[in-house]
Amino acid sequence: MEQYPAVRIMVKYGSIFAVLAGLALPLLALVGFLSAGWHWVWLVAAVFAGIALGFVFRTFAELTQIIADMLLPQ
């Protein structure tokens, strides 16, 4: 797997990246809510969007893990 550094990183840290991706939108919306005076509805929408983004990224990380396990030589 030395030939594919991006796959190696995704296999090793994919679940951490999924959590960070899921938290990024709510944190950005919280900053906007507190500093720029955004409406609270954007904060709620960002929480739901963060959940969806985290799920999609987690799925991508798991698919990468499956592909690496099945197709790449160890």
N, C-alpha and C. Protein backbone atom coordinates (compact mmCIF):
# COMPACT_ATOMS: atom_id res chain seq x y z
N MET A 1 0.82 -1.18 0.00
CA MET A 1 0.00 0.00 0.00
C MET A 1 0.87 1.26 0.00
N GLU A 2 2.18 1.09 -0.11
CA GLU A 2 3.09 2.23 -0.14
C GLU A 2 2.89 3.07 -1.40
N GLN A 3 2.33 2.48 -2.45
CA GLN A 3 2.13 3.20 -3.70
C GLN A 3 0.93 4.15 -3.63
N TYR A 4 0.09 3.98 -2.66
CA TYR A 4 -1.15 4.75 -2.56
C TYR A 4 -1.23 5.46 -1.20
N PRO A 5 -0.53 6.57 -1.05
CA PRO A 5 -0.53 7.22 0.27
C PRO A 5 -1.89 7.77 0.68
N ALA A 6 -2.70 8.23 -0.26
CA ALA A 6 -4.02 8.75 0.10
C ALA A 6 -4.92 7.64 0.63
N VAL A 7 -4.83 6.46 0.03
CA VAL A 7 -5.62 5.32 0.51
C VAL A 7 -5.15 4.91 1.90
N ARG A 8 -3.85 4.91 2.11
CA ARG A 8 -3.30 4.56 3.41
C ARG A 8 -3.77 5.53 4.50
N ILE A 9 -3.76 6.82 4.18
CA ILE A 9 -4.21 7.82 5.14
C ILE A 9 -5.71 7.66 5.42
N MET A 10 -6.49 7.40 4.38
CA MET A 10 -7.93 7.24 4.56
C MET A 10 -8.24 5.99 5.37
N VAL A 11 -7.50 4.92 5.15
CA VAL A 11 -7.73 3.69 5.91
C VAL A 11 -7.38 3.91 7.38
N LYS A 12 -6.28 4.61 7.63
CA LYS A 12 -5.80 4.79 8.99
C LYS A 12 -6.63 5.83 9.77
N TYR A 13 -6.99 6.94 9.13
CA TYR A 13 -7.62 8.04 9.84
C TYR A 13 -9.03 8.37 9.35
N GLY A 14 -9.65 7.50 8.58
CA GLY A 14 -10.95 7.78 7.99
C GLY A 14 -12.04 8.07 8.99
N SER A 15 -12.08 7.32 10.10
CA SER A 15 -13.13 7.55 11.09
C SER A 15 -12.93 8.89 11.81
N ILE A 16 -11.70 9.28 12.02
CA ILE A 16 -11.43 10.58 12.64
C ILE A 16 -11.83 11.71 11.69
N PHE A 17 -11.50 11.55 10.41
CA PHE A 17 -11.89 12.55 9.42
C PHE A 17 -13.41 12.68 9.33
N ALA A 18 -14.12 11.57 9.46
CA ALA A 18 -15.58 11.60 9.40
C ALA A 18 -16.16 12.41 10.56
N VAL A 19 -15.61 12.23 11.74
CA VAL A 19 -16.08 13.00 12.89
C VAL A 19 -15.77 14.48 12.71
N LEU A 20 -14.56 14.79 12.25
CA LEU A 20 -14.19 16.19 12.03
C LEU A 20 -15.04 16.84 10.94
N ALA A 21 -15.34 16.10 9.89
CA ALA A 21 -16.19 16.64 8.82
C ALA A 21 -17.60 16.88 9.33
N GLY A 22 -18.10 15.98 10.18
CA GLY A 22 -19.44 16.15 10.73
C GLY A 22 -19.54 17.30 11.71
N LEU A 23 -18.45 17.62 12.40
CA LEU A 23 -18.47 18.72 13.36
C LEU A 23 -18.15 20.07 12.73
N ALA A 24 -17.58 20.08 11.54
CA ALA A 24 -17.13 21.33 10.93
C ALA A 24 -18.28 22.30 10.66
N LEU A 25 -19.36 21.81 10.05
CA LEU A 25 -20.48 22.70 9.73
C LEU A 25 -21.17 23.27 10.96
N PRO A 26 -21.48 22.45 11.97
CA PRO A 26 -22.09 23.05 13.16
C PRO A 26 -21.18 24.05 13.87
N LEU A 27 -19.88 23.78 13.89
CA LEU A 27 -18.97 24.74 14.52
C LEU A 27 -18.89 26.04 13.74
N LEU A 28 -18.85 25.95 12.43
CA LEU A 28 -18.85 27.17 11.62
C LEU A 28 -20.15 27.95 11.79
N ALA A 29 -21.26 27.24 11.86
CA ALA A 29 -22.54 27.92 12.06
C ALA A 29 -22.62 28.54 13.45
N LEU A 30 -22.03 27.88 14.44
CA LEU A 30 -22.01 28.44 15.79
C LEU A 30 -21.20 29.73 15.82
N VAL A 31 -20.08 29.74 15.14
CA VAL A 31 -19.27 30.97 15.04
C VAL A 31 -20.07 32.06 14.35
N GLY A 32 -20.74 31.72 13.28
CA GLY A 32 -21.57 32.71 12.59
C GLY A 32 -22.72 33.20 13.45
N PHE A 33 -23.31 32.31 14.22
CA PHE A 33 -24.41 32.68 15.10
C PHE A 33 -23.95 33.63 16.20
N LEU A 34 -22.78 33.32 16.78
CA LEU A 34 -22.30 34.13 17.89
C LEU A 34 -21.66 35.44 17.45
N SER A 35 -20.92 35.41 16.34
CA SER A 35 -20.17 36.61 15.96
C SER A 35 -20.89 37.48 14.92
N ALA A 36 -21.57 36.87 13.99
CA ALA A 36 -22.19 37.64 12.91
C ALA A 36 -23.69 37.84 13.09
N GLY A 37 -24.24 37.24 14.12
CA GLY A 37 -25.66 37.43 14.38
C GLY A 37 -26.58 36.69 13.44
N TRP A 38 -26.14 35.53 12.95
CA TRP A 38 -27.00 34.74 12.08
C TRP A 38 -28.23 34.27 12.85
N HIS A 39 -29.26 33.98 12.11
CA HIS A 39 -30.49 33.46 12.71
C HIS A 39 -30.23 32.05 13.24
N TRP A 40 -30.93 31.66 14.31
CA TRP A 40 -30.70 30.35 14.92
C TRP A 40 -31.08 29.19 14.01
N VAL A 41 -31.90 29.48 13.01
CA VAL A 41 -32.30 28.42 12.08
C VAL A 41 -31.09 27.87 11.32
N TRP A 42 -30.11 28.71 11.04
CA TRP A 42 -28.91 28.25 10.35
C TRP A 42 -28.11 27.29 11.22
N LEU A 43 -28.15 27.50 12.51
CA LEU A 43 -27.46 26.60 13.43
C LEU A 43 -28.12 25.22 13.43
N VAL A 44 -29.44 25.20 13.44
CA VAL A 44 -30.16 23.92 13.39
C VAL A 44 -29.92 23.22 12.06
N ALA A 45 -29.97 23.98 10.97
CA ALA A 45 -29.72 23.39 9.65
C ALA A 45 -28.30 22.84 9.56
N ALA A 46 -27.35 23.54 10.15
CA ALA A 46 -25.96 23.08 10.11
C ALA A 46 -25.76 21.80 10.91
N VAL A 47 -26.52 21.63 11.98
CA VAL A 47 -26.43 20.39 12.76
C VAL A 47 -26.90 19.21 11.91
N PHE A 48 -28.04 19.38 11.24
CA PHE A 48 -28.53 18.30 10.38
C PHE A 48 -27.61 18.05 9.19
N ALA A 49 -27.09 19.11 8.60
CA ALA A 49 -26.15 18.96 7.49
C ALA A 49 -24.85 18.32 7.96
N GLY A 50 -24.42 18.62 9.17
CA GLY A 50 -23.22 17.99 9.72
C GLY A 50 -23.40 16.51 9.94
N ILE A 51 -24.58 16.13 10.41
CA ILE A 51 -24.88 14.70 10.58
C ILE A 51 -24.83 13.99 9.23
N ALA A 52 -25.43 14.60 8.22
CA ALA A 52 -25.43 13.99 6.88
C ALA A 52 -24.02 13.93 6.31
N LEU A 53 -23.25 15.00 6.47
CA LEU A 53 -21.88 15.02 5.95
C LEU A 53 -21.01 13.99 6.66
N GLY A 54 -21.16 13.88 7.96
CA GLY A 54 -20.41 12.87 8.71
C GLY A 54 -20.75 11.46 8.26
N PHE A 55 -22.04 11.20 8.00
CA PHE A 55 -22.46 9.89 7.53
C PHE A 55 -21.88 9.59 6.15
N VAL A 56 -21.93 10.56 5.25
CA VAL A 56 -21.39 10.36 3.90
C VAL A 56 -19.89 10.13 3.96
N PHE A 57 -19.19 10.90 4.77
CA PHE A 57 -17.75 10.73 4.86
C PHE A 57 -17.39 9.40 5.52
N ARG A 58 -18.17 8.99 6.51
CA ARG A 58 -17.94 7.69 7.15
C ARG A 58 -18.14 6.55 6.14
N THR A 59 -19.16 6.68 5.31
CA THR A 59 -19.41 5.68 4.27
C THR A 59 -18.25 5.62 3.29
N PHE A 60 -17.75 6.79 2.89
CA PHE A 60 -16.59 6.84 1.99
C PHE A 60 -15.37 6.19 2.64
N ALA A 61 -15.14 6.44 3.91
CA ALA A 61 -14.00 5.84 4.60
C ALA A 61 -14.13 4.33 4.68
N GLU A 62 -15.34 3.84 4.95
CA GLU A 62 -15.54 2.40 5.03
C GLU A 62 -15.41 1.73 3.65
N LEU A 63 -15.90 2.39 2.61
CA LEU A 63 -15.72 1.84 1.26
C LEU A 63 -14.25 1.79 0.88
N THR A 64 -13.50 2.79 1.26
CA THR A 64 -12.06 2.79 1.00
C THR A 64 -11.39 1.64 1.74
N GLN A 65 -11.82 1.39 2.98
CA GLN A 65 -11.27 0.28 3.75
C GLN A 65 -11.58 -1.06 3.07
N ILE A 66 -12.80 -1.23 2.59
CA ILE A 66 -13.18 -2.48 1.91
C ILE A 66 -12.36 -2.67 0.65
N ILE A 67 -12.22 -1.63 -0.13
CA ILE A 67 -11.44 -1.72 -1.38
C ILE A 67 -9.99 -2.05 -1.06
N ALA A 68 -9.44 -1.40 -0.07
CA ALA A 68 -8.04 -1.65 0.30
C ALA A 68 -7.85 -3.09 0.78
N ASP A 69 -8.79 -3.60 1.54
CA ASP A 69 -8.68 -4.97 2.05
C ASP A 69 -8.81 -6.01 0.95
N MET A 70 -9.68 -5.75 -0.02
CA MET A 70 -9.96 -6.77 -1.02
C MET A 70 -9.06 -6.69 -2.25
N LEU A 71 -8.68 -5.51 -2.65
CA LEU A 71 -8.00 -5.37 -3.93
C LEU A 71 -6.51 -5.09 -3.86
N LEU A 72 -6.07 -4.47 -2.78
CA LEU A 72 -4.64 -4.12 -2.71
C LEU A 72 -3.87 -5.22 -2.02
N PRO A 73 -2.71 -5.57 -2.53
CA PRO A 73 -1.90 -6.60 -1.88
C PRO A 73 -1.35 -6.09 -0.56
N GLN A 74 -1.24 -6.98 0.39
CA GLN A 74 -0.74 -6.59 1.72
C GLN A 74 0.74 -6.69 1.81
